[in-house]
């Protein structure tokens, strides 16, 4: 669920291409940031 949301933000909202390293990095960063934020609560 979190991964799909991170991919939606990266590839849908920010419109970064899936075929680039930048897209992978941004998607991972968003996913990891959300995951860490949830665990801290």
N, C-alpha and C. Protein backbone atom coordinates (compact mmCIF):
# COMPACT_ATOMS: atom_id res chain seq x y z
N UNK A 1 0.82 -1.18 0.00
CA UNK A 1 0.00 0.00 0.00
C UNK A 1 0.87 1.26 0.00
N UNK A 2 1.87 1.30 0.85
CA UNK A 2 2.75 2.47 0.87
C UNK A 2 3.57 2.58 -0.41
N UNK A 3 4.00 1.45 -0.92
CA UNK A 3 4.80 1.45 -2.15
C UNK A 3 3.98 2.00 -3.32
N UNK A 4 2.73 1.58 -3.41
CA UNK A 4 1.88 2.07 -4.49
C UNK A 4 1.65 3.57 -4.37
N UNK A 5 1.49 4.06 -3.14
CA UNK A 5 1.30 5.49 -2.92
C UNK A 5 2.56 6.27 -3.30
N UNK A 6 3.72 5.75 -2.91
CA UNK A 6 4.99 6.41 -3.26
C UNK A 6 5.18 6.43 -4.77
N UNK A 7 4.83 5.34 -5.44
CA UNK A 7 4.95 5.30 -6.90
C UNK A 7 3.95 6.25 -7.55
N UNK A 8 2.75 6.36 -7.00
CA UNK A 8 1.77 7.31 -7.52
C UNK A 8 2.30 8.73 -7.42
N UNK A 9 2.86 9.09 -6.27
CA UNK A 9 3.41 10.44 -6.12
C UNK A 9 4.57 10.69 -7.08
N UNK A 10 5.47 9.71 -7.18
CA UNK A 10 6.66 9.89 -8.01
C UNK A 10 6.33 9.94 -9.49
N UNK A 11 5.61 8.93 -9.95
CA UNK A 11 5.38 8.80 -11.38
C UNK A 11 4.12 9.52 -11.86
N UNK A 12 3.14 9.68 -10.99
CA UNK A 12 1.90 10.34 -11.37
C UNK A 12 1.92 11.83 -11.13
N UNK A 13 2.14 12.21 -9.88
CA UNK A 13 2.08 13.62 -9.50
C UNK A 13 3.32 14.37 -9.97
N UNK A 14 4.50 13.84 -9.67
CA UNK A 14 5.74 14.51 -10.06
C UNK A 14 6.13 14.25 -11.52
N UNK A 15 5.52 13.25 -12.13
CA UNK A 15 5.73 12.88 -13.53
C UNK A 15 7.19 12.61 -13.85
N UNK A 16 7.86 11.87 -12.98
CA UNK A 16 9.23 11.44 -13.24
C UNK A 16 9.16 10.08 -13.93
N UNK A 17 9.98 9.89 -14.93
CA UNK A 17 9.94 8.65 -15.72
C UNK A 17 10.32 7.44 -14.88
N UNK A 18 9.64 6.32 -15.13
CA UNK A 18 9.93 5.07 -14.43
C UNK A 18 11.27 4.47 -14.85
N UNK A 19 11.75 4.83 -16.02
CA UNK A 19 12.95 4.20 -16.58
C UNK A 19 14.24 4.90 -16.20
N UNK A 20 14.22 5.75 -15.21
CA UNK A 20 15.43 6.47 -14.82
C UNK A 20 15.84 6.12 -13.39
N UNK A 21 17.09 6.33 -13.11
CA UNK A 21 17.58 6.13 -11.74
C UNK A 21 16.98 7.17 -10.80
N UNK A 22 16.75 8.36 -11.33
CA UNK A 22 16.14 9.41 -10.52
C UNK A 22 14.75 8.99 -10.07
N UNK A 23 13.98 8.41 -10.97
CA UNK A 23 12.64 7.94 -10.62
C UNK A 23 12.68 6.89 -9.53
N UNK A 24 13.60 5.94 -9.65
CA UNK A 24 13.76 4.91 -8.62
C UNK A 24 14.16 5.52 -7.28
N UNK A 25 15.09 6.46 -7.32
CA UNK A 25 15.58 7.08 -6.09
C UNK A 25 14.49 7.90 -5.40
N UNK A 26 13.76 8.67 -6.16
CA UNK A 26 12.70 9.50 -5.58
C UNK A 26 11.60 8.63 -5.01
N UNK A 27 11.23 7.59 -5.74
CA UNK A 27 10.19 6.68 -5.26
C UNK A 27 10.62 6.02 -3.95
N UNK A 28 11.86 5.56 -3.89
CA UNK A 28 12.36 4.94 -2.66
C UNK A 28 12.40 5.95 -1.52
N UNK A 29 12.84 7.16 -1.80
CA UNK A 29 12.93 8.19 -0.76
C UNK A 29 11.55 8.50 -0.18
N UNK A 30 10.56 8.66 -1.04
CA UNK A 30 9.21 8.94 -0.57
C UNK A 30 8.68 7.76 0.25
N UNK A 31 8.87 6.55 -0.26
CA UNK A 31 8.42 5.35 0.44
C UNK A 31 9.07 5.24 1.82
N UNK A 32 10.38 5.40 1.86
CA UNK A 32 11.11 5.25 3.12
C UNK A 32 10.75 6.35 4.12
N UNK A 33 10.56 7.56 3.64
CA UNK A 33 10.18 8.68 4.51
C UNK A 33 8.82 8.43 5.16
N UNK A 34 7.87 7.97 4.38
CA UNK A 34 6.54 7.67 4.92
C UNK A 34 6.63 6.52 5.92
N UNK A 35 7.38 5.48 5.57
CA UNK A 35 7.52 4.31 6.45
C UNK A 35 8.14 4.69 7.79
N UNK A 36 9.18 5.47 7.76
CA UNK A 36 9.86 5.89 9.00
C UNK A 36 8.94 6.79 9.82
N UNK A 37 8.22 7.68 9.16
CA UNK A 37 7.31 8.58 9.87
C UNK A 37 6.21 7.81 10.59
N UNK A 38 5.69 6.78 9.95
CA UNK A 38 4.64 5.96 10.58
C UNK A 38 5.21 5.21 11.78
N UNK A 39 6.40 4.69 11.67
CA UNK A 39 6.99 3.92 12.78
C UNK A 39 7.32 4.78 13.98
N UNK A 40 7.59 6.06 13.76
CA UNK A 40 7.93 6.95 14.87
C UNK A 40 6.72 7.37 15.68
N UNK A 41 5.55 7.30 15.10
CA UNK A 41 4.32 7.73 15.80
C UNK A 41 3.90 6.77 16.88
